[in-house]
Amino acid sequence: MAVATYPDLLKRTVLLYRDEDGYFIVEVPSLVGCVSQGETREEALANIQEAIALHIEVLQDRGEPKLS
């Protein structure tokens, strides 16, 4: 498992690891339930960018604070 901070991921720390089928899984610890995957590292990171943006949008729509 790798822990990385990518500025283009809306400044979120992500956990990136491979599952038993070889897919890259990406989790955002500061956004509970914000998880994505991809066949490649690049695809997984691109997918999590979208997931983060959508997750934050939903929090804002609900009037909930977006966690740092």
Protein backbone atom coordinates (compact mmCIF):
# COMPACT_ATOMS: atom_id res chain seq x y z
CA MET A 1 0.00 0.00 0.00
CA ALA A 2 1.27 3.48 -0.85
CA VAL A 3 0.29 6.75 0.76
CA ALA A 4 0.62 9.78 -1.46
CA THR A 5 -0.45 13.38 -1.56
CA TYR A 6 -1.17 14.72 -5.02
CA PRO A 7 -1.84 18.46 -5.43
CA ASP A 8 -4.08 17.78 -8.42
CA LEU A 9 -6.27 15.54 -6.26
CA LEU A 10 -7.74 18.61 -4.56
CA LYS A 11 -4.97 18.36 -1.93
CA ARG A 12 -6.21 15.12 -0.39
CA THR A 13 -4.09 12.30 0.90
CA VAL A 14 -5.01 9.05 -0.81
CA LEU A 15 -4.26 5.40 -0.14
CA LEU A 16 -3.37 3.51 -3.30
CA TYR A 17 -3.04 -0.27 -3.39
CA ARG A 18 -3.68 -3.26 -5.62
CA ASP A 19 -6.43 -5.74 -4.95
CA GLU A 20 -6.25 -9.49 -5.51
CA ASP A 21 -7.39 -9.06 -9.13
CA GLY A 22 -4.64 -6.55 -9.92
CA TYR A 23 -6.84 -3.44 -9.96
CA PHE A 24 -5.59 -0.29 -8.29
CA ILE A 25 -7.86 0.80 -5.45
CA VAL A 26 -7.76 4.39 -4.17
CA GLU A 27 -9.30 5.54 -0.89
CA VAL A 28 -9.52 9.03 0.59
CA PRO A 29 -9.27 8.73 4.40
CA SER A 30 -10.53 12.29 4.99
CA LEU A 31 -13.72 11.60 2.98
CA VAL A 32 -15.40 8.53 4.43
CA GLY A 33 -16.68 6.27 1.68
CA CYS A 34 -14.80 8.04 -1.11
CA VAL A 35 -13.22 5.14 -2.99
CA SER A 36 -12.46 4.44 -6.63
CA GLN A 37 -10.42 2.06 -8.75
CA GLY A 38 -8.76 1.61 -12.11
CA GLU A 39 -6.90 -0.92 -14.18
CA THR A 40 -3.79 1.28 -14.08
CA ARG A 41 -2.38 3.64 -11.47
CA GLU A 42 -3.08 6.60 -13.77
CA GLU A 43 -6.68 5.54 -14.36
CA ALA A 44 -7.29 5.02 -10.64
CA LEU A 45 -5.89 8.48 -9.81
CA ALA A 46 -7.98 10.11 -12.55
CA ASN A 47 -11.08 8.30 -11.26
CA ILE A 48 -10.48 9.38 -7.67
CA GLN A 49 -10.19 13.01 -8.77
CA GLU A 50 -13.72 12.81 -10.11
CA ALA A 51 -14.91 10.91 -7.03
CA ILE A 52 -13.45 13.56 -4.71
CA ALA A 53 -15.10 16.39 -6.63
CA LEU A 54 -18.48 14.62 -6.61
CA HIS A 55 -18.16 13.68 -2.94
CA ILE A 56 -17.46 17.29 -1.97
CA GLU A 57 -20.33 18.49 -4.16
CA VAL A 58 -22.75 16.16 -2.37
CA LEU A 59 -21.48 17.33 1.04
CA GLN A 60 -22.02 20.95 -0.01
CA ASP A 61 -25.52 20.19 -1.35
CA ARG A 62 -26.40 18.64 2.00
CA GLY A 63 -24.94 21.59 3.89
CA GLU A 64 -22.37 19.33 5.54
CA PRO A 65 -18.80 20.47 6.13
CA LYS A 66 -16.16 19.15 3.78
CA LEU A 67 -13.44 17.66 5.91
CA SER A 68 -9.82 18.68 5.46
